[in-house]
Amino acid sequence: MHGIGLQAHWNLYDPALDDIRAAIEKYASLGLQLQLTELDMSLFRFEDKRTDLKSPPSELLELQAERYDVIFRLLKEYREVISSVTFWGAADDYTWLDDFPVRGRKNWPFLFDAQHHPKPAFNRIAVQNS
């Protein structure tokens, strides 16, 4: 085995950055290349059952931008062992997280909104890498 893929279906709160770092370091210590696959960032904790939001509140979009920013800063620290990051979609108009785990709930997990415009998270990551 030469590498391993980590499915990265994360949210604004979990997993903790220390847990992500520990996983990266563990796989790296085994001499494995790591790929983050299926990256998305739900606005909701898994146990959050609310369905009241019809559009993403700006405060949650800012938390999402901050979360993507700190995660990508962490990933850059390990760029010698992380060979790729793949998102599990492109824009918020189509995501498997709509209706999961809560039927009837919209989610906004990506870097581009439903009209395919960059969200604050995209801008944070783009600035970081320019």
C-alpha atoms as a PDB file:
ATOM      1  CA  MET A   1       0.000   0.000   0.000  1.00  0.00           C
ATOM      2  CA  HIS A   2       1.343   3.447  -0.944  1.00  0.00           C
ATOM      3  CA  GLY A   3      -1.356   5.732   0.364  1.00  0.00           C
ATOM      4  CA  ILE A   4      -4.713   6.171   1.975  1.00  0.00           C
ATOM      5  CA  GLY A   5      -7.728   8.383   1.364  1.00  0.00           C
ATOM      6  CA  LEU A   6      -9.516  10.131   4.193  1.00  0.00           C
ATOM      7  CA  GLN A   7     -13.181  10.823   3.516  1.00  0.00           C
ATOM      8  CA  ALA A   8     -13.549  14.365   4.783  1.00  0.00           C
ATOM      9  CA  HIS A   9     -17.281  14.841   5.431  1.00  0.00           C
ATOM     10  CA  TRP A  10     -16.742  17.423   8.138  1.00  0.00           C
ATOM     11  CA  ASN A  11     -18.758  20.240   9.677  1.00  0.00           C
ATOM     12  CA  LEU A  12     -18.096  23.612  11.262  1.00  0.00           C
ATOM     13  CA  TYR A  13     -17.304  21.999  14.602  1.00  0.00           C
ATOM     14  CA  ASP A  14     -16.001  18.471  14.035  1.00  0.00           C
ATOM     15  CA  PRO A  15     -13.524  16.920  13.845  1.00  0.00           C
ATOM     16  CA  ALA A  16     -11.210  18.937  16.047  1.00  0.00           C
ATOM     17  CA  LEU A  17      -8.076  20.274  14.343  1.00  0.00           C
ATOM     18  CA  ASP A  18      -5.957  18.289  16.790  1.00  0.00           C
ATOM     19  CA  ASP A  19      -7.733  15.105  15.662  1.00  0.00           C
ATOM     20  CA  ILE A  20      -7.122  15.921  11.990  1.00  0.00           C
ATOM     21  CA  ARG A  21      -3.453  16.611  12.754  1.00  0.00           C
ATOM     22  CA  ALA A  22      -3.132  13.356  14.733  1.00  0.00           C
ATOM     23  CA  ALA A  23      -4.619  11.351  11.844  1.00  0.00           C
ATOM     24  CA  ILE A  24      -2.295  12.966   9.309  1.00  0.00           C
ATOM     25  CA  GLU A  25       0.725  12.333  11.503  1.00  0.00           C
ATOM     26  CA  LYS A  26      -0.269   8.724  12.156  1.00  0.00           C
ATOM     27  CA  TYR A  27      -0.611   7.905   8.456  1.00  0.00           C
ATOM     28  CA  ALA A  28       2.546   9.840   7.614  1.00  0.00           C
ATOM     29  CA  SER A  29       4.464   7.875  10.279  1.00  0.00           C
ATOM     30  CA  LEU A  30       3.531   4.717   8.380  1.00  0.00           C
ATOM     31  CA  GLY A  31       5.150   6.112   5.250  1.00  0.00           C
ATOM     32  CA  LEU A  32       1.810   6.544   3.471  1.00  0.00           C
ATOM     33  CA  GLN A  33       0.803   9.330   1.129  1.00  0.00           C
ATOM     34  CA  LEU A  34      -2.498  10.831   2.208  1.00  0.00           C
ATOM     35  CA  GLN A  35      -5.330  12.156   0.060  1.00  0.00           C
ATOM     36  CA  LEU A  36      -8.353  13.978   1.416  1.00  0.00           C
ATOM     37  CA  THR A  37     -11.322  12.772  -0.560  1.00  0.00           C
ATOM     38  CA  GLU A  38     -14.941  13.831  -0.530  1.00  0.00           C
ATOM     39  CA  LEU A  39     -14.251  17.101   1.320  1.00  0.00           C
ATOM     40  CA  ASP A  40     -17.326  19.089   2.263  1.00  0.00           C
ATOM     41  CA  MET A  41     -18.087  21.323   5.235  1.00  0.00           C
ATOM     42  CA  SER A  42     -21.635  21.044   6.560  1.00  0.00           C
ATOM     43  CA  LEU A  43     -23.041  24.042   8.374  1.00  0.00           C
ATOM     44  CA  PHE A  44     -24.658  21.671  10.883  1.00  0.00           C
ATOM     45  CA  ARG A  45     -23.458  19.230  13.505  1.00  0.00           C
ATOM     46  CA  PHE A  46     -24.652  15.714  12.702  1.00  0.00           C
ATOM     47  CA  GLU A  47     -27.085  15.741  15.634  1.00  0.00           C
ATOM     48  CA  ASP A  48     -28.507  19.184  14.692  1.00  0.00           C
ATOM     49  CA  LYS A  49     -32.058  18.517  13.452  1.00  0.00           C
ATOM     50  CA  ARG A  50     -33.224  22.042  12.617  1.00  0.00           C
ATOM     51  CA  THR A  51     -34.929  22.772   9.306  1.00  0.00           C
ATOM     52  CA  ASP A  52     -35.683  26.481   9.729  1.00  0.00           C
ATOM     53  CA  LEU A  53     -32.977  27.925   7.476  1.00  0.00           C
ATOM     54  CA  LYS A  54     -33.934  28.728   3.889  1.00  0.00           C
ATOM     55  CA  SER A  55     -30.626  30.413   3.089  1.00  0.00           C
ATOM     56  CA  PRO A  56     -27.252  30.297   4.810  1.00  0.00           C
ATOM     57  CA  PRO A  57     -26.890  32.980   7.519  1.00  0.00           C
ATOM     58  CA  SER A  58     -23.849  35.210   7.063  1.00  0.00           C
ATOM     59  CA  GLU A  59     -22.509  34.258  10.487  1.00  0.00           C
ATOM     60  CA  LEU A  60     -22.466  30.571   9.522  1.00  0.00           C
ATOM     61  CA  LEU A  61     -20.817  31.386   6.187  1.00  0.00           C
ATOM     62  CA  GLU A  62     -18.139  33.293   8.103  1.00  0.00           C
ATOM     63  CA  LEU A  63     -17.623  30.325  10.457  1.00  0.00           C
ATOM     64  CA  GLN A  64     -17.371  28.086   7.398  1.00  0.00           C
ATOM     65  CA  ALA A  65     -14.775  30.411   5.849  1.00  0.00           C
ATOM     66  CA  GLU A  66     -12.760  30.380   9.073  1.00  0.00           C
ATOM     67  CA  ARG A  67     -12.982  26.599   9.308  1.00  0.00           C
ATOM     68  CA  TYR A  68     -11.889  26.031   5.700  1.00  0.00           C
ATOM     69  CA  ASP A  69      -9.079  28.533   6.259  1.00  0.00           C
ATOM     70  CA  VAL A  70      -7.641  26.827   9.348  1.00  0.00           C
ATOM     71  CA  ILE A  71      -8.020  23.383   7.806  1.00  0.00           C
ATOM     72  CA  PHE A  72      -6.193  24.382   4.628  1.00  0.00           C
ATOM     73  CA  ARG A  73      -3.460  26.043   6.703  1.00  0.00           C
ATOM     74  CA  LEU A  74      -3.065  22.742   8.549  1.00  0.00           C
ATOM     75  CA  LEU A  75      -3.024  20.754   5.306  1.00  0.00           C
ATOM     76  CA  LYS A  76      -0.312  23.018   3.907  1.00  0.00           C
ATOM     77  CA  GLU A  77       1.882  22.114   6.882  1.00  0.00           C
ATOM     78  CA  TYR A  78       1.771  18.525   5.640  1.00  0.00           C
ATOM     79  CA  ARG A  79       1.958  19.161   1.889  1.00  0.00           C
ATOM     80  CA  GLU A  80       4.850  16.703   1.574  1.00  0.00           C
ATOM     81  CA  VAL A  81       2.576  13.808   2.625  1.00  0.00           C
ATOM     82  CA  ILE A  82      -0.783  15.047   1.270  1.00  0.00           C
ATOM     83  CA  SER A  83      -0.895  14.517  -2.472  1.00  0.00           C
ATOM     84  CA  SER A  84      -4.412  15.808  -3.167  1.00  0.00           C
ATOM     85  CA  VAL A  85      -7.604  17.295  -1.796  1.00  0.00           C
ATOM     86  CA  THR A  86     -10.827  16.479  -3.642  1.00  0.00           C
ATOM     87  CA  PHE A  87     -14.159  18.128  -2.891  1.00  0.00           C
ATOM     88  CA  TRP A  88     -17.358  16.049  -2.899  1.00  0.00           C
ATOM     89  CA  GLY A  89     -19.058  18.543  -5.179  1.00  0.00           C
ATOM     90  CA  ALA A  90     -18.537  21.970  -6.666  1.00  0.00           C
ATOM     91  CA  ALA A  91     -21.368  24.248  -5.586  1.00  0.00           C
ATOM     92  CA  ASP A  92     -24.221  24.392  -3.111  1.00  0.00           C
ATOM     93  CA  ASP A  93     -26.922  23.837  -5.737  1.00  0.00           C
ATOM     94  CA  TYR A  94     -26.235  20.098  -5.659  1.00  0.00           C
ATOM     95  CA  THR A  95     -25.001  18.264  -2.578  1.00  0.00           C
ATOM     96  CA  TRP A  96     -25.651  14.889  -1.007  1.00  0.00           C
ATOM     97  CA  LEU A  97     -26.053  16.762   2.292  1.00  0.00           C
ATOM     98  CA  ASP A  98     -29.415  18.172   1.191  1.00  0.00           C
ATOM     99  CA  ASP A  99     -31.945  16.052   3.086  1.00  0.00           C
ATOM    100  CA  PHE A 100     -29.188  14.186   4.985  1.00  0.00           C
ATOM    101  CA  PRO A 101     -29.280  13.456   7.817  1.00  0.00           C
ATOM    102  CA  VAL A 102     -32.372  15.658   8.139  1.00  0.00           C
ATOM    103  CA  ARG A 103     -35.088  15.269   5.506  1.00  0.00           C
ATOM    104  CA  GLY A 104     -36.250  18.607   4.135  1.00  0.00           C
ATOM    105  CA  ARG A 105     -33.131  20.540   5.112  1.00  0.00           C
ATOM    106  CA  LYS A 106     -30.884  22.409   2.690  1.00  0.00           C
ATOM    107  CA  ASN A 107     -27.148  22.501   3.360  1.00  0.00           C
ATOM    108  CA  TRP A 108     -24.400  24.723   1.943  1.00  0.00           C
ATOM    109  CA  PRO A 109     -21.100  22.807   2.284  1.00  0.00           C
ATOM    110  CA  PHE A 110     -18.969  24.045  -0.613  1.00  0.00           C
ATOM    111  CA  LEU A 111     -16.791  26.946  -1.718  1.00  0.00           C
ATOM    112  CA  PHE A 112     -19.338  28.129  -4.304  1.00  0.00           C
ATOM    113  CA  ASP A 113     -22.955  29.076  -3.674  1.00  0.00           C
ATOM    114  CA  ALA A 114     -26.009  27.742  -5.525  1.00  0.00           C
ATOM    115  CA  GLN A 115     -25.447  30.293  -8.317  1.00  0.00           C
ATOM    116  CA  HIS A 116     -21.814  29.132  -8.598  1.00  0.00           C
ATOM    117  CA  HIS A 117     -20.423  32.366  -7.149  1.00  0.00           C
ATOM    118  CA  PRO A 118     -17.444  32.185  -4.770  1.00  0.00           C
ATOM    119  CA  LYS A 119     -18.355  32.173  -1.085  1.00  0.00           C
ATOM    120  CA  PRO A 120     -16.241  33.706   1.710  1.00  0.00           C
ATOM    121  CA  ALA A 121     -14.586  30.302   2.201  1.00  0.00           C
ATOM    122  CA  PHE A 122     -13.290  30.300  -1.375  1.00  0.00           C
ATOM    123  CA  ASN A 123     -11.883  33.787  -0.955  1.00  0.00           C
ATOM    124  CA  ARG A 124     -10.065  32.776   2.243  1.00  0.00           C
ATOM    125  CA  ILE A 125      -8.459  29.754   0.619  1.00  0.00           C
ATOM    126  CA  ALA A 126      -7.595  31.628  -2.596  1.00  0.00           C
ATOM    127  CA  VAL A 127      -5.923  34.478  -0.693  1.00  0.00           C
ATOM    128  CA  GLN A 128      -3.977  31.987   1.407  1.00  0.00           C
ATOM    129  CA  ASN A 129      -2.598  30.306  -1.691  1.00  0.00           C
ATOM    130  CA  SER A 130      -1.828  33.379  -3.801  1.00  0.00           C
END
